[in-house]
Amino acid sequence: MTQSISRANLLRRGAALAVAGGTVGVLADTAFADPISDQDLAYVRLLVTAELLQSNFYSQAIAASVASPEVTKYLKRAYLNEQEHYQSVAGIISGTGNVPAISSDINFSYPDGTFADEKSILKAAAALETAVVSMYAGAMGGIVTNQFKSGLAQIALCEAQHASYFAVQSGGKPFWLSFPAALTIQQASDAMNQYTS
C-alpha cells in the first residue's frame, strides 16, 4: 500500500518525533503509520487521562512542601516520568489526527487531607500508582495494535517502580501478588472517575 505524505504531515510527524524521543517516537510513529481501532483509541485516551492525573497529583504533592528532601526527590522524578509518559501516549492520539486532552480539560479532585503531610501523600501516591499499573496491564490486554504494546509495557514497568517505592515508603509491601489485577476499560474509567469531575 502506498501512502502519500503532505509536507504539513511530514513536518507535524517530525515535530512530534523530535519532541517525543525514545519510546514516544516509537508510539507516535506507529500511530502515523496505521489507523487504530476505536477500542484502542478509547484505551489510549484513558491512559492520557491517567498520565495527566498523575502529573497533577505530583505537582500538588511537591507544592505542598511537606515531604522530606528524599521523598521530594522521588516525587519530582515521578512527575518527570509522568510528563514523559503523557507525551508518549498523547503522541498516539496526535498521530491519528486527533487532539489529546490536556490538563486544563479536566478538573482533578482528591480526598480531603491528601496533601496534608508526607504520610498522606505517600499513601495516595501508592494507591494511584497501583491503579495506573493495573490500567496499563488492562490496556495491554485490550489494545489490538501490537506496535503500541512494547512502549506501553515500558511505561507500565516505570509505573510499577513508582508503586513499589511509594508503597514501601508508606509502610506497605513493595510487591506481593504474582498476578496483580488488570483493569478492564470500564474498571479503569471508574477508577479515574474518583479523581475527576
Protein backbone atom coordinates (compact mmCIF):
# COMPACT_ATOMS: atom_id res chain seq x y z
CA MET A 1 0.00 0.00 0.00
CA THR A 2 1.39 3.39 -0.97
CA GLN A 3 0.94 6.20 1.49
CA SER A 4 1.27 9.81 0.45
CA ILE A 5 2.52 12.31 2.99
CA SER A 6 1.94 16.01 2.63
CA ARG A 7 4.63 18.47 3.65
CA ALA A 8 2.46 19.58 6.61
CA ASN A 9 2.02 15.98 7.78
CA LEU A 10 5.72 15.33 7.38
CA LEU A 11 6.59 18.43 9.43
CA ARG A 12 3.98 17.57 12.07
CA ARG A 13 5.28 14.00 12.24
CA GLY A 14 8.87 15.21 12.51
CA ALA A 15 7.98 17.69 15.23
CA ALA A 16 6.11 15.05 17.21
CA LEU A 17 9.01 12.64 16.97
CA ALA A 18 11.59 15.31 17.80
CA VAL A 19 9.68 16.36 20.90
CA ALA A 20 8.98 12.81 21.89
CA GLY A 21 12.23 10.93 21.51
CA GLY A 22 12.74 7.35 22.70
CA THR A 23 9.58 5.40 23.31
CA VAL A 24 7.43 8.36 22.41
CA GLY A 25 8.81 8.29 18.89
CA VAL A 26 8.02 4.61 18.58
CA LEU A 27 4.41 5.08 19.68
CA ALA A 28 3.84 8.25 17.68
CA ASP A 29 5.45 6.79 14.56
CA THR A 30 3.18 3.76 14.73
CA ALA A 31 0.11 5.95 15.13
CA PHE A 32 1.04 7.85 11.97
CA ALA A 33 1.68 4.65 10.03
CA ASP A 34 -1.55 2.76 10.64
CA PRO A 35 -5.11 3.67 11.60
CA ILE A 36 -6.05 2.40 15.04
CA SER A 37 -9.34 0.95 16.23
CA ASP A 38 -11.90 2.88 18.24
CA GLN A 39 -11.25 0.47 21.13
CA ASP A 40 -7.53 1.22 21.06
CA LEU A 41 -8.22 4.94 20.90
CA ALA A 42 -10.53 4.65 23.93
CA TYR A 43 -7.81 2.88 25.92
CA VAL A 44 -5.21 5.44 24.90
CA ARG A 45 -7.49 8.34 25.86
CA LEU A 46 -7.93 6.76 29.26
CA LEU A 47 -4.15 6.40 29.64
CA VAL A 48 -3.72 10.05 28.66
CA THR A 49 -6.14 10.97 31.46
CA ALA A 50 -4.22 8.77 33.90
CA GLU A 51 -0.93 10.47 32.99
CA LEU A 52 -2.49 13.92 33.35
CA LEU A 53 -3.91 12.92 36.72
CA GLN A 54 -0.56 11.67 37.96
CA SER A 55 1.22 14.80 36.75
CA ASN A 56 -1.36 16.92 38.57
CA PHE A 57 -1.04 14.79 41.71
CA TYR A 58 2.75 15.03 41.82
CA SER A 59 2.67 18.74 41.07
CA GLN A 60 0.38 19.32 44.06
CA ALA A 61 2.36 16.95 46.27
CA ILE A 62 5.58 18.85 45.52
CA ALA A 63 3.87 22.23 46.00
CA ALA A 64 2.56 21.14 49.41
CA SER A 65 6.19 21.20 50.66
CA VAL A 66 5.51 18.73 53.45
CA ALA A 67 7.69 15.81 52.31
CA SER A 68 11.29 15.17 53.33
CA PRO A 69 14.03 16.03 50.83
CA GLU A 70 14.46 12.33 49.98
CA VAL A 71 10.77 11.77 49.27
CA THR A 72 10.53 15.09 47.41
CA LYS A 73 13.34 13.93 45.13
CA TYR A 74 11.23 10.91 44.13
CA LEU A 75 8.06 12.95 43.81
CA LYS A 76 9.90 15.20 41.36
CA ARG A 77 11.29 12.23 39.45
CA ALA A 78 7.84 10.63 39.26
CA TYR A 79 6.45 13.94 37.97
CA LEU A 80 9.10 13.99 35.23
CA ASN A 81 8.32 10.38 34.32
CA GLU A 82 4.60 11.14 34.10
CA GLN A 83 5.28 14.11 31.83
CA GLU A 84 7.28 11.85 29.51
CA HIS A 85 4.59 9.17 29.63
CA TYR A 86 1.97 11.76 28.75
CA GLN A 87 3.97 12.88 25.72
CA SER A 88 4.23 9.27 24.64
CA VAL A 89 0.58 8.26 24.89
CA ALA A 90 -0.64 11.68 23.71
CA GLY A 91 1.57 11.14 20.65
CA ILE A 92 -0.57 8.15 19.70
CA ILE A 93 -3.67 10.35 19.67
CA SER A 94 -1.91 13.16 17.81
CA GLY A 95 -0.69 10.61 15.30
CA THR A 96 -4.28 9.78 14.40
CA GLY A 97 -5.02 13.42 13.65
CA ASN A 98 -6.95 13.90 16.90
CA VAL A 99 -6.13 16.28 19.72
CA PRO A 100 -5.20 14.69 23.05
CA ALA A 101 -6.60 16.02 26.31
CA ILE A 102 -4.51 18.50 28.26
CA SER A 103 -4.60 19.18 31.98
CA SER A 104 -6.90 22.20 31.67
CA ASP A 105 -9.53 19.95 30.03
CA ILE A 106 -10.02 18.01 33.26
CA ASN A 107 -10.98 19.04 36.79
CA PHE A 108 -8.99 16.87 39.19
CA SER A 109 -10.09 16.34 42.78
CA TYR A 110 -8.62 14.47 45.72
CA PRO A 111 -9.94 13.39 49.12
CA ASP A 112 -9.53 15.92 51.93
CA GLY A 113 -6.13 15.66 53.56
CA THR A 114 -4.39 14.05 50.57
CA PHE A 115 -1.57 16.63 50.67
CA ALA A 116 -1.65 17.33 54.43
CA ASP A 117 1.60 15.54 55.27
CA GLU A 118 4.20 13.18 53.86
CA LYS A 119 2.39 10.06 55.06
CA SER A 120 -0.88 11.02 53.32
CA ILE A 121 0.96 11.87 50.10
CA LEU A 122 2.84 8.55 50.11
CA LYS A 123 -0.33 6.59 50.77
CA ALA A 124 -2.21 8.37 47.98
CA ALA A 125 0.74 8.02 45.57
CA ALA A 126 0.96 4.27 46.23
CA ALA A 127 -2.79 3.82 45.63
CA LEU A 128 -2.78 5.95 42.49
CA GLU A 129 0.28 4.26 41.00
CA THR A 130 -1.13 0.79 41.74
CA ALA A 131 -4.34 1.72 39.93
CA VAL A 132 -2.41 3.07 36.94
CA VAL A 133 -0.24 -0.06 36.70
CA SER A 134 -3.48 -2.07 36.57
CA MET A 135 -4.81 0.26 33.85
CA TYR A 136 -1.74 -0.29 31.72
CA ALA A 137 -1.96 -4.06 32.27
CA GLY A 138 -5.60 -3.99 31.19
CA ALA A 139 -4.82 -1.81 28.19
CA MET A 140 -2.10 -4.18 27.04
CA GLY A 141 -4.64 -6.99 27.09
CA GLY A 142 -7.33 -4.94 25.35
CA ILE A 143 -5.36 -2.98 22.76
CA VAL A 144 -5.17 -4.78 19.44
CA THR A 145 -2.42 -2.66 17.84
CA ASN A 146 0.62 -4.73 18.70
CA GLN A 147 3.07 -1.97 17.80
CA PHE A 148 1.97 0.02 20.87
CA LYS A 149 2.41 -2.79 23.35
CA SER A 150 6.18 -2.59 23.80
CA GLY A 151 6.10 1.12 24.60
CA LEU A 152 3.10 0.71 26.88
CA ALA A 153 4.90 -2.14 28.66
CA GLN A 154 7.87 0.15 29.30
CA ILE A 155 5.56 2.74 30.82
CA ALA A 156 3.87 0.06 32.94
CA LEU A 157 7.27 -1.03 34.25
CA CYS A 158 8.05 2.52 35.31
CA GLU A 159 4.65 2.88 36.96
CA ALA A 160 5.27 -0.38 38.84
CA GLN A 161 8.56 1.04 40.13
CA HIS A 162 6.69 4.11 41.36
CA ALA A 163 4.02 1.96 43.02
CA SER A 164 6.65 -0.17 44.76
CA TYR A 165 8.65 2.79 46.04
CA PHE A 166 5.63 4.66 47.37
CA ALA A 167 4.17 1.50 48.90
CA VAL A 168 7.39 0.84 50.84
CA GLN A 169 7.72 4.47 51.91
CA SER A 170 4.15 4.45 53.23
CA GLY A 171 4.77 1.30 55.28
CA GLY A 172 3.42 -1.24 52.81
CA LYS A 173 4.96 -4.09 50.88
CA PRO A 174 6.95 -3.44 47.70
CA PHE A 175 5.14 -6.32 45.99
CA TRP A 176 3.06 -9.33 46.92
CA LEU A 177 0.82 -10.77 44.22
CA SER A 178 2.22 -12.93 41.45
CA PHE A 179 -0.55 -11.71 39.14
CA PRO A 180 -1.78 -8.23 40.10
CA ALA A 181 -5.16 -7.20 38.73
CA ALA A 182 -5.52 -5.88 35.20
CA LEU A 183 -8.40 -3.44 34.95
CA THR A 184 -10.96 -3.61 32.16
CA ILE A 185 -11.61 -0.36 30.35
CA GLN A 186 -14.77 0.15 32.44
CA GLN A 187 -12.96 -0.54 35.71
CA ALA A 188 -10.17 1.83 34.66
CA SER A 189 -12.70 4.51 33.76
CA ASP A 190 -14.39 4.05 37.14
CA ALA A 191 -11.01 4.38 38.88
CA MET A 192 -10.37 7.67 37.08
CA ASN A 193 -13.84 8.98 37.94
CA GLN A 194 -12.96 9.18 41.62
CA TYR A 195 -10.29 11.80 40.78
CA THR A 196 -12.03 13.73 38.01
CA SER A 197 -15.14 15.81 37.72
